PDB file of N, CA and C in Angstrom:
ATOM      1  N   MET A   1      46.375 -49.277 -65.081  1.00  0.00           N
ATOM      2  CA  MET A   1      44.975 -49.015 -65.371  1.00  0.00           C
ATOM      3  C   MET A   1      44.554 -49.913 -66.534  1.00  0.00           C
ATOM      4  N   GLU A   2      43.370 -50.426 -66.453  1.00  0.00           N
ATOM      5  CA  GLU A   2      42.844 -51.331 -67.472  1.00  0.00           C
ATOM      6  C   GLU A   2      41.864 -50.586 -68.374  1.00  0.00           C
ATOM      7  N   HIS A   3      41.847 -50.964 -69.659  1.00  0.00           N
ATOM      8  CA  HIS A   3      40.933 -50.347 -70.626  1.00  0.00           C
ATOM      9  C   HIS A   3      39.999 -51.405 -71.180  1.00  0.00           C
ATOM     10  N   ASN A   4      38.703 -51.126 -71.106  1.00  0.00           N
ATOM     11  CA  ASN A   4      37.688 -52.002 -71.672  1.00  0.00           C
ATOM     12  C   ASN A   4      36.607 -51.159 -72.324  1.00  0.00           C
ATOM     13  N   ILE A   5      35.969 -51.741 -73.357  1.00  0.00           N
ATOM     14  CA  ILE A   5      34.763 -51.132 -73.893  1.00  0.00           C
ATOM     15  C   ILE A   5      33.680 -52.202 -73.921  1.00  0.00           C
ATOM     16  N   MET A   6      32.457 -51.760 -73.632  1.00  0.00           N
ATOM     17  CA  MET A   6      31.319 -52.649 -73.709  1.00  0.00           C
ATOM     18  C   MET A   6      30.220 -51.907 -74.470  1.00  0.00           C
ATOM     19  N   LEU A   7      29.840 -52.464 -75.607  1.00  0.00           N
ATOM     20  CA  LEU A   7      28.828 -51.850 -76.460  1.00  0.00           C
ATOM     21  C   LEU A   7      27.619 -52.767 -76.498  1.00  0.00           C
ATOM     22  N   LYS A   8      26.461 -52.210 -76.161  1.00  0.00           N
ATOM     23  CA  LYS A   8      25.225 -52.991 -76.158  1.00  0.00           C
ATOM     24  C   LYS A   8      24.264 -52.399 -77.179  1.00  0.00           C
ATOM     25  N   ASP A   9      23.897 -53.205 -78.171  1.00  0.00           N
ATOM     26  CA  ASP A   9      22.903 -52.823 -79.192  1.00  0.00           C
ATOM     27  C   ASP A   9      23.227 -51.505 -79.901  1.00  0.00           C
ATOM     28  N   ARG A  10      24.491 -51.167 -80.015  1.00  0.00           N
ATOM     29  CA  ARG A  10      24.928 -49.926 -80.660  1.00  0.00           C
ATOM     30  C   ARG A  10      24.311 -48.680 -80.049  1.00  0.00           C
ATOM     31  N   SER A  11      23.758 -48.805 -78.843  1.00  0.00           N
ATOM     32  CA  SER A  11      23.113 -47.640 -78.246  1.00  0.00           C
ATOM     33  C   SER A  11      23.601 -47.324 -76.835  1.00  0.00           C
ATOM     34  N   SER A  12      24.371 -48.212 -76.246  1.00  0.00           N
ATOM     35  CA  SER A  12      24.880 -47.984 -74.899  1.00  0.00           C
ATOM     36  C   SER A  12      26.339 -48.427 -74.855  1.00  0.00           C
ATOM     37  N   LEU A  13      27.232 -47.478 -74.599  1.00  0.00           N
ATOM     38  CA  LEU A  13      28.665 -47.736 -74.610  1.00  0.00           C
ATOM     39  C   LEU A  13      29.253 -47.383 -73.250  1.00  0.00           C
ATOM     40  N   VAL A  14      30.037 -48.301 -72.691  1.00  0.00           N
ATOM     41  CA  VAL A  14      30.768 -48.051 -71.449  1.00  0.00           C
ATOM     42  C   VAL A  14      32.250 -48.169 -71.783  1.00  0.00           C
ATOM     43  N   VAL A  15      33.020 -47.138 -71.455  1.00  0.00           N
ATOM     44  CA  VAL A  15      34.461 -47.117 -71.727  1.00  0.00           C
ATOM     45  C   VAL A  15      35.185 -46.914 -70.409  1.00  0.00           C
ATOM     46  N   SER A  16      36.112 -47.827 -70.095  1.00  0.00           N
ATOM     47  CA  SER A  16      36.934 -47.665 -68.896  1.00  0.00           C
ATOM     48  C   SER A  16      38.372 -47.366 -69.319  1.00  0.00           C
ATOM     49  N   GLY A  17      39.151 -46.860 -68.397  1.00  0.00           N
ATOM     50  CA  GLY A  17      40.534 -46.489 -68.698  1.00  0.00           C
ATOM     51  C   GLY A  17      40.639 -45.118 -69.340  1.00  0.00           C
ATOM     52  N   VAL A  18      39.615 -44.288 -69.169  1.00  0.00           N
ATOM     53  CA  VAL A  18      39.595 -42.945 -69.758  1.00  0.00           C
ATOM     54  C   VAL A  18      40.443 -42.017 -68.902  1.00  0.00           C
ATOM     55  N   GLU A  19      41.403 -41.359 -69.554  1.00  0.00           N
ATOM     56  CA  GLU A  19      42.288 -40.427 -68.848  1.00  0.00           C
ATOM     57  C   GLU A  19      41.900 -38.973 -69.050  1.00  0.00           C
ATOM     58  N   HIS A  20      41.325 -38.652 -70.216  1.00  0.00           N
ATOM     59  CA  HIS A  20      40.993 -37.255 -70.516  1.00  0.00           C
ATOM     60  C   HIS A  20      39.896 -37.211 -71.568  1.00  0.00           C
ATOM     61  N   ILE A  21      38.965 -36.287 -71.420  1.00  0.00           N
ATOM     62  CA  ILE A  21      37.935 -36.064 -72.433  1.00  0.00           C
ATOM     63  C   ILE A  21      38.278 -34.756 -73.131  1.00  0.00           C
ATOM     64  N   TYR A  22      38.596 -34.842 -74.436  1.00  0.00           N
ATOM     65  CA  TYR A  22      38.959 -33.654 -75.207  1.00  0.00           C
ATOM     66  C   TYR A  22      37.722 -32.871 -75.625  1.00  0.00           C
ATOM     67  N   SER A  23      36.728 -33.577 -76.185  1.00  0.00           N
ATOM     68  CA  SER A  23      35.512 -32.894 -76.617  1.00  0.00           C
ATOM     69  C   SER A  23      34.356 -33.874 -76.613  1.00  0.00           C
ATOM     70  N   PHE A  24      33.169 -33.289 -76.502  1.00  0.00           N
ATOM     71  CA  PHE A  24      31.958 -34.103 -76.476  1.00  0.00           C
ATOM     72  C   PHE A  24      30.822 -33.280 -77.048  1.00  0.00           C
ATOM     73  N   ASN A  25      30.151 -33.823 -78.071  1.00  0.00           N
ATOM     74  CA  ASN A  25      28.908 -33.227 -78.546  1.00  0.00           C
ATOM     75  C   ASN A  25      27.978 -34.355 -78.989  1.00  0.00           C
ATOM     76  N   ASP A  26      26.856 -34.027 -79.602  1.00  0.00           N
ATOM     77  CA  ASP A  26      25.874 -35.063 -79.934  1.00  0.00           C
ATOM     78  C   ASP A  26      26.276 -35.940 -81.117  1.00  0.00           C
ATOM     79  N   LYS A  27      27.409 -35.625 -81.772  1.00  0.00           N
ATOM     80  CA  LYS A  27      27.865 -36.420 -82.914  1.00  0.00           C
ATOM     81  C   LYS A  27      29.240 -37.059 -82.727  1.00  0.00           C
ATOM     82  N   LYS A  28      30.058 -36.521 -81.819  1.00  0.00           N
ATOM     83  CA  LYS A  28      31.438 -37.011 -81.675  1.00  0.00           C
ATOM     84  C   LYS A  28      31.946 -36.848 -80.254  1.00  0.00           C
ATOM     85  N   VAL A  29      32.674 -37.879 -79.798  1.00  0.00           N
ATOM     86  CA  VAL A  29      33.332 -37.847 -78.490  1.00  0.00           C
ATOM     87  C   VAL A  29      34.802 -38.166 -78.730  1.00  0.00           C
ATOM     88  N   GLU A  30      35.699 -37.312 -78.238  1.00  0.00           N
ATOM     89  CA  GLU A  30      37.133 -37.529 -78.376  1.00  0.00           C
ATOM     90  C   GLU A  30      37.737 -37.654 -76.983  1.00  0.00           C
ATOM     91  N   VAL A  31      38.379 -38.810 -76.733  1.00  0.00           N
ATOM     92  CA  VAL A  31      38.958 -39.068 -75.419  1.00  0.00           C
ATOM     93  C   VAL A  31      40.356 -39.653 -75.559  1.00  0.00           C
ATOM     94  N   ARG A  32      41.113 -39.547 -74.468  1.00  0.00           N
ATOM     95  CA  ARG A  32      42.386 -40.251 -74.369  1.00  0.00           C
ATOM     96  C   ARG A  32      42.190 -41.368 -73.359  1.00  0.00           C
ATOM     97  N   THR A  33      42.527 -42.579 -73.771  1.00  0.00           N
ATOM     98  CA  THR A  33      42.467 -43.716 -72.864  1.00  0.00           C
ATOM     99  C   THR A  33      43.887 -44.119 -72.510  1.00  0.00           C
ATOM    100  N   CYS A  34      44.012 -45.077 -71.625  1.00  0.00           N
ATOM    101  CA  CYS A  34      45.337 -45.532 -71.214  1.00  0.00           C
ATOM    102  C   CYS A  34      46.051 -46.298 -72.322  1.00  0.00           C
ATOM    103  N   VAL A  35      45.352 -46.610 -73.421  1.00  0.00           N
ATOM    104  CA  VAL A  35      45.984 -47.311 -74.545  1.00  0.00           C
ATOM    105  C   VAL A  35      46.019 -46.458 -75.811  1.00  0.00           C
ATOM    106  N   GLY A  36      45.641 -45.200 -75.731  1.00  0.00           N
ATOM    107  CA  GLY A  36      45.720 -44.309 -76.887  1.00  0.00           C
ATOM    108  C   GLY A  36      44.461 -43.467 -77.054  1.00  0.00           C
ATOM    109  N   GLU A  37      44.480 -42.682 -78.111  1.00  0.00           N
ATOM    110  CA  GLU A  37      43.364 -41.788 -78.416  1.00  0.00           C
ATOM    111  C   GLU A  37      42.193 -42.588 -78.987  1.00  0.00           C
ATOM    112  N   MET A  38      40.964 -42.154 -78.684  1.00  0.00           N
ATOM    113  CA  MET A  38      39.766 -42.826 -79.170  1.00  0.00           C
ATOM    114  C   MET A  38      38.755 -41.775 -79.620  1.00  0.00           C
ATOM    115  N   VAL A  39      38.138 -42.014 -80.788  1.00  0.00           N
ATOM    116  CA  VAL A  39      37.076 -41.146 -81.283  1.00  0.00           C
ATOM    117  C   VAL A  39      35.832 -42.002 -81.482  1.00  0.00           C
ATOM    118  N   ILE A  40      34.744 -41.566 -80.894  1.00  0.00           N
ATOM    119  CA  ILE A  40      33.462 -42.250 -81.008  1.00  0.00           C
ATOM    120  C   ILE A  40      32.544 -41.322 -81.785  1.00  0.00           C
ATOM    121  N   GLU A  41      31.960 -41.835 -82.870  1.00  0.00           N
ATOM    122  CA  GLU A  41      31.040 -41.032 -83.668  1.00  0.00           C
ATOM    123  C   GLU A  41      29.679 -41.684 -83.687  1.00  0.00           C
ATOM    124  N   GLY A  42      28.643 -40.855 -83.766  1.00  0.00           N
ATOM    125  CA  GLY A  42      27.296 -41.385 -83.797  1.00  0.00           C
ATOM    126  C   GLY A  42      26.275 -40.275 -83.908  1.00  0.00           C
ATOM    127  N   GLU A  43      25.061 -40.574 -83.448  1.00  0.00           N
ATOM    128  CA  GLU A  43      23.959 -39.628 -83.512  1.00  0.00           C
ATOM    129  C   GLU A  43      23.287 -39.552 -82.145  1.00  0.00           C
ATOM    130  N   ASN A  44      22.903 -38.349 -81.764  1.00  0.00           N
ATOM    131  CA  ASN A  44      22.225 -38.108 -80.487  1.00  0.00           C
ATOM    132  C   ASN A  44      23.004 -38.673 -79.302  1.00  0.00           C
ATOM    133  N   LEU A  45      24.319 -38.482 -79.313  1.00  0.00           N
ATOM    134  CA  LEU A  45      25.155 -38.993 -78.236  1.00  0.00           C
ATOM    135  C   LEU A  45      24.952 -38.161 -76.973  1.00  0.00           C
ATOM    136  N   ASP A  46      24.905 -38.839 -75.849  1.00  0.00           N
ATOM    137  CA  ASP A  46      24.726 -38.190 -74.562  1.00  0.00           C
ATOM    138  C   ASP A  46      25.552 -38.941 -73.529  1.00  0.00           C
ATOM    139  N   MET A  47      26.280 -38.206 -72.715  1.00  0.00           N
ATOM    140  CA  MET A  47      27.073 -38.835 -71.668  1.00  0.00           C
ATOM    141  C   MET A  47      26.160 -39.050 -70.462  1.00  0.00           C
ATOM    142  N   SER A  48      25.771 -40.300 -70.251  1.00  0.00           N
ATOM    143  CA  SER A  48      24.824 -40.583 -69.176  1.00  0.00           C
ATOM    144  C   SER A  48      25.513 -40.723 -67.828  1.00  0.00           C
ATOM    145  N   LYS A  49      26.812 -41.054 -67.831  1.00  0.00           N
ATOM    146  CA  LYS A  49      27.555 -41.173 -66.578  1.00  0.00           C
ATOM    147  C   LYS A  49      29.009 -40.820 -66.827  1.00  0.00           C
ATOM    148  N   LEU A  50      29.587 -40.110 -65.895  1.00  0.00           N
ATOM    149  CA  LEU A  50      31.009 -39.785 -65.935  1.00  0.00           C
ATOM    150  C   LEU A  50      31.549 -39.983 -64.529  1.00  0.00           C
ATOM    151  N   SER A  51      32.535 -40.859 -64.409  1.00  0.00           N
ATOM    152  CA  SER A  51      33.173 -41.095 -63.116  1.00  0.00           C
ATOM    153  C   SER A  51      34.673 -40.917 -63.282  1.00  0.00           C
ATOM    154  N   LEU A  52      35.173 -39.764 -62.868  1.00  0.00           N
ATOM    155  CA  LEU A  52      36.608 -39.500 -62.973  1.00  0.00           C
ATOM    156  C   LEU A  52      37.399 -40.319 -61.966  1.00  0.00           C
ATOM    157  N   ASP A  53      36.781 -40.676 -60.845  1.00  0.00           N
ATOM    158  CA  ASP A  53      37.460 -41.503 -59.851  1.00  0.00           C
ATOM    159  C   ASP A  53      37.713 -42.911 -60.391  1.00  0.00           C
ATOM    160  N   GLU A  54      36.761 -43.435 -61.163  1.00  0.00           N
ATOM    161  CA  GLU A  54      36.884 -44.781 -61.714  1.00  0.00           C
ATOM    162  C   GLU A  54      37.383 -44.782 -63.163  1.00  0.00           C
ATOM    163  N   ASN A  55      37.548 -43.591 -63.758  1.00  0.00           N
ATOM    164  CA  ASN A  55      37.994 -43.432 -65.154  1.00  0.00           C
ATOM    165  C   ASN A  55      37.041 -44.119 -66.123  1.00  0.00           C
ATOM    166  N   ILE A  56      35.735 -43.941 -65.919  1.00  0.00           N
ATOM    167  CA  ILE A  56      34.713 -44.584 -66.742  1.00  0.00           C
ATOM    168  C   ILE A  56      33.749 -43.526 -67.277  1.00  0.00           C
ATOM    169  N   ILE A  57      33.352 -43.689 -68.557  1.00  0.00           N
ATOM    170  CA  ILE A  57      32.259 -42.897 -69.102  1.00  0.00           C
ATOM    171  C   ILE A  57      31.233 -43.846 -69.716  1.00  0.00           C
ATOM    172  N   ASN A  58      29.965 -43.454 -69.629  1.00  0.00           N
ATOM    173  CA  ASN A  58      28.870 -44.161 -70.289  1.00  0.00           C
ATOM    174  C   ASN A  58      28.290 -43.216 -71.329  1.00  0.00           C
ATOM    175  N   ILE A  59      28.119 -43.697 -72.534  1.00  0.00           N
ATOM    176  CA  ILE A  59      27.579 -42.893 -73.622  1.00  0.00           C
ATOM    177  C   ILE A  59      26.346 -43.595 -74.165  1.00  0.00           C
ATOM    178  N   GLU A  60      25.262 -42.836 -74.289  1.00  0.00           N
ATOM    179  CA  GLU A  60      24.017 -43.344 -74.854  1.00  0.00           C
ATOM    180  C   GLU A  60      23.782 -42.660 -76.200  1.00  0.00           C
ATOM    181  N   GLY A  61      23.132 -43.347 -77.119  1.00  0.00           N
ATOM    182  CA  GLY A  61      22.831 -42.818 -78.442  1.00  0.00           C
ATOM    183  C   GLY A  61      23.215 -43.846 -79.490  1.00  0.00           C
ATOM    184  N   MET A  62      23.037 -43.518 -80.764  1.00  0.00           N
ATOM    185  CA  MET A  62      23.383 -44.432 -81.851  1.00  0.00           C
ATOM    186  C   MET A  62      24.878 -44.342 -82.126  1.00  0.00           C
ATOM    187  N   ILE A  63      25.615 -45.402 -81.815  1.00  0.00           N
ATOM    188  CA  ILE A  63      27.063 -45.452 -82.024  1.00  0.00           C
ATOM    189  C   ILE A  63      27.321 -45.942 -83.444  1.00  0.00           C
ATOM    190  N   ASN A  64      27.975 -45.111 -84.257  1.00  0.00           N
ATOM    191  CA  ASN A  64      28.303 -45.486 -85.641  1.00  0.00           C
ATOM    192  C   ASN A  64      29.732 -45.978 -85.797  1.00  0.00           C
ATOM    193  N   SER A  65      30.661 -45.458 -85.002  1.00  0.00           N
ATOM    194  CA  SER A  65      32.051 -45.913 -85.135  1.00  0.00           C
ATOM    195  C   SER A  65      32.834 -45.637 -83.856  1.00  0.00           C
ATOM    196  N   ILE A  66      33.830 -46.498 -83.645  1.00  0.00           N
ATOM    197  CA  ILE A  66      34.795 -46.334 -82.557  1.00  0.00           C
ATOM    198  C   ILE A  66      36.157 -46.522 -83.207  1.00  0.00           C
ATOM    199  N   VAL A  67      36.978 -45.485 -83.165  1.00  0.00           N
ATOM    200  CA  VAL A  67      38.263 -45.520 -83.858  1.00  0.00           C
ATOM    201  C   VAL A  67      39.374 -45.181 -82.870  1.00  0.00           C
ATOM    202  N   TYR A  68      40.416 -46.008 -82.882  1.00  0.00           N
ATOM    203  CA  TYR A  68      41.610 -45.754 -82.079  1.00  0.00           C
ATOM    204  C   TYR A  68      42.709 -45.214 -82.981  1.00  0.00           C
ATOM    205  N   SER A  69      43.525 -44.334 -82.427  1.00  0.00           N
ATOM    206  CA  SER A  69      44.764 -43.991 -83.106  1.00  0.00           C
ATOM    207  C   SER A  69      45.872 -44.724 -82.366  1.00  0.00           C
ATOM    208  N   LYS A  70      47.044 -44.741 -82.951  1.00  0.00           N
ATOM    209  CA  LYS A  70      48.160 -45.450 -82.327  1.00  0.00           C
ATOM    210  C   LYS A  70      48.502 -44.834 -80.987  1.00  0.00           C
ATOM    211  N   GLU A  71      48.958 -45.682 -80.086  1.00  0.00           N
ATOM    212  CA  GLU A  71      49.396 -45.205 -78.780  1.00  0.00           C
ATOM    213  C   GLU A  71      50.614 -44.324 -78.969  1.00  0.00           C
ATOM    214  N   ARG A  72      50.618 -43.215 -78.298  1.00  0.00           N
ATOM    215  CA  ARG A  72      51.749 -42.294 -78.414  1.00  0.00           C
ATOM    216  C   ARG A  72      52.842 -42.728 -77.464  1.00  0.00           C
ATOM    217  N   LYS A  73      53.966 -43.118 -78.045  1.00  0.00           N
ATOM    218  CA  LYS A  73      55.125 -43.506 -77.243  1.00  0.00           C
ATOM    219  C   LYS A  73      56.224 -42.494 -77.484  1.00  0.00           C
ATOM    220  N   PRO A  74      57.050 -42.246 -76.499  1.00  0.00           N
ATOM    221  CA  PRO A  74      58.146 -41.296 -76.690  1.00  0.00           C
ATOM    222  C   PRO A  74      59.074 -41.766 -77.799  1.00  0.00           C
ATOM    223  N   GLN A  75      59.510 -40.822 -78.628  1.00  0.00           N
ATOM    224  CA  GLN A  75      60.424 -41.134 -79.710  1.00  0.00           C
ATOM    225  C   GLN A  75      61.809 -41.440 -79.140  1.00  0.00           C
ATOM    226  N   GLU A  76      62.406 -42.500 -79.642  1.00  0.00           N
ATOM    227  CA  GLU A  76      63.751 -42.838 -79.204  1.00  0.00           C
ATOM    228  C   GLU A  76      64.743 -41.932 -79.929  1.00  0.00           C
ATOM    229  N   ASN A  77      65.725 -41.489 -79.216  1.00  0.00           N
ATOM    230  CA  ASN A  77      66.736 -40.602 -79.752  1.00  0.00           C
ATOM    231  C   ASN A  77      67.513 -41.288 -80.879  1.00  0.00           C
ATOM    232  N   PHE A  78      67.744 -40.571 -81.971  1.00  0.00           N
ATOM    233  CA  PHE A  78      68.466 -41.089 -83.129  1.00  0.00           C
ATOM    234  C   PHE A  78      69.832 -41.634 -82.741  1.00  0.00           C
ATOM    235  N   PHE A  79      70.573 -40.913 -81.892  1.00  0.00           N
ATOM    236  CA  PHE A  79      71.912 -41.339 -81.517  1.00  0.00           C
ATOM    237  C   PHE A  79      71.892 -42.601 -80.663  1.00  0.00           C
ATOM    238  N   LYS A  80      70.865 -42.788 -79.859  1.00  0.00           N
ATOM    239  CA  LYS A  80      70.737 -44.014 -79.077  1.00  0.00           C
ATOM    240  C   LYS A  80      70.586 -45.218 -80.001  1.00  0.00           C
ATOM    241  N   LYS A  81      69.850 -45.042 -81.094  1.00  0.00           N
ATOM    242  CA  LYS A  81      69.687 -46.134 -82.058  1.00  0.00           C
ATOM    243  C   LYS A  81      71.009 -46.457 -82.747  1.00  0.00           C
ATOM    244  N   VAL A  82      71.757 -45.434 -83.123  1.00  0.00           N
ATOM    245  CA  VAL A  82      72.998 -45.611 -83.866  1.00  0.00           C
ATOM    246  C   VAL A  82      74.072 -46.280 -83.005  1.00  0.00           C
ATOM    247  N   PHE A  83      74.176 -45.889 -81.750  1.00  0.00           N
ATOM    248  CA  PHE A  83      75.264 -46.359 -80.909  1.00  0.00           C
ATOM    249  C   PHE A  83      74.913 -47.534 -80.004  1.00  0.00           C
ATOM    250  N   LYS A  84      73.859 -48.268 -80.333  1.00  0.00           N
ATOM    251  CA  LYS A  84      73.510 -49.463 -79.553  1.00  0.00           C
ATOM    252  C   LYS A  84      74.443 -50.601 -79.838  1.00  0.00           C
TER     253      LYS A  84
END
């Protein structure tokens, strides 16, 4: 799955590669993408389109920030590291 974001004039955001939407309100959107967690903050946010088949969301409103957290990867076992 591919992940892309397209932001136009800080008022129209298209995000692809969305796997899960944790929460959505007029100030914050929290989603999981195929490359990690993403938080979008702004004002008067509205989800204008949601396509679960295509893994795409469109968000309208004033976008103030887009923040990624690190991709969650499985922790490697301590003993595997020691005995390599």
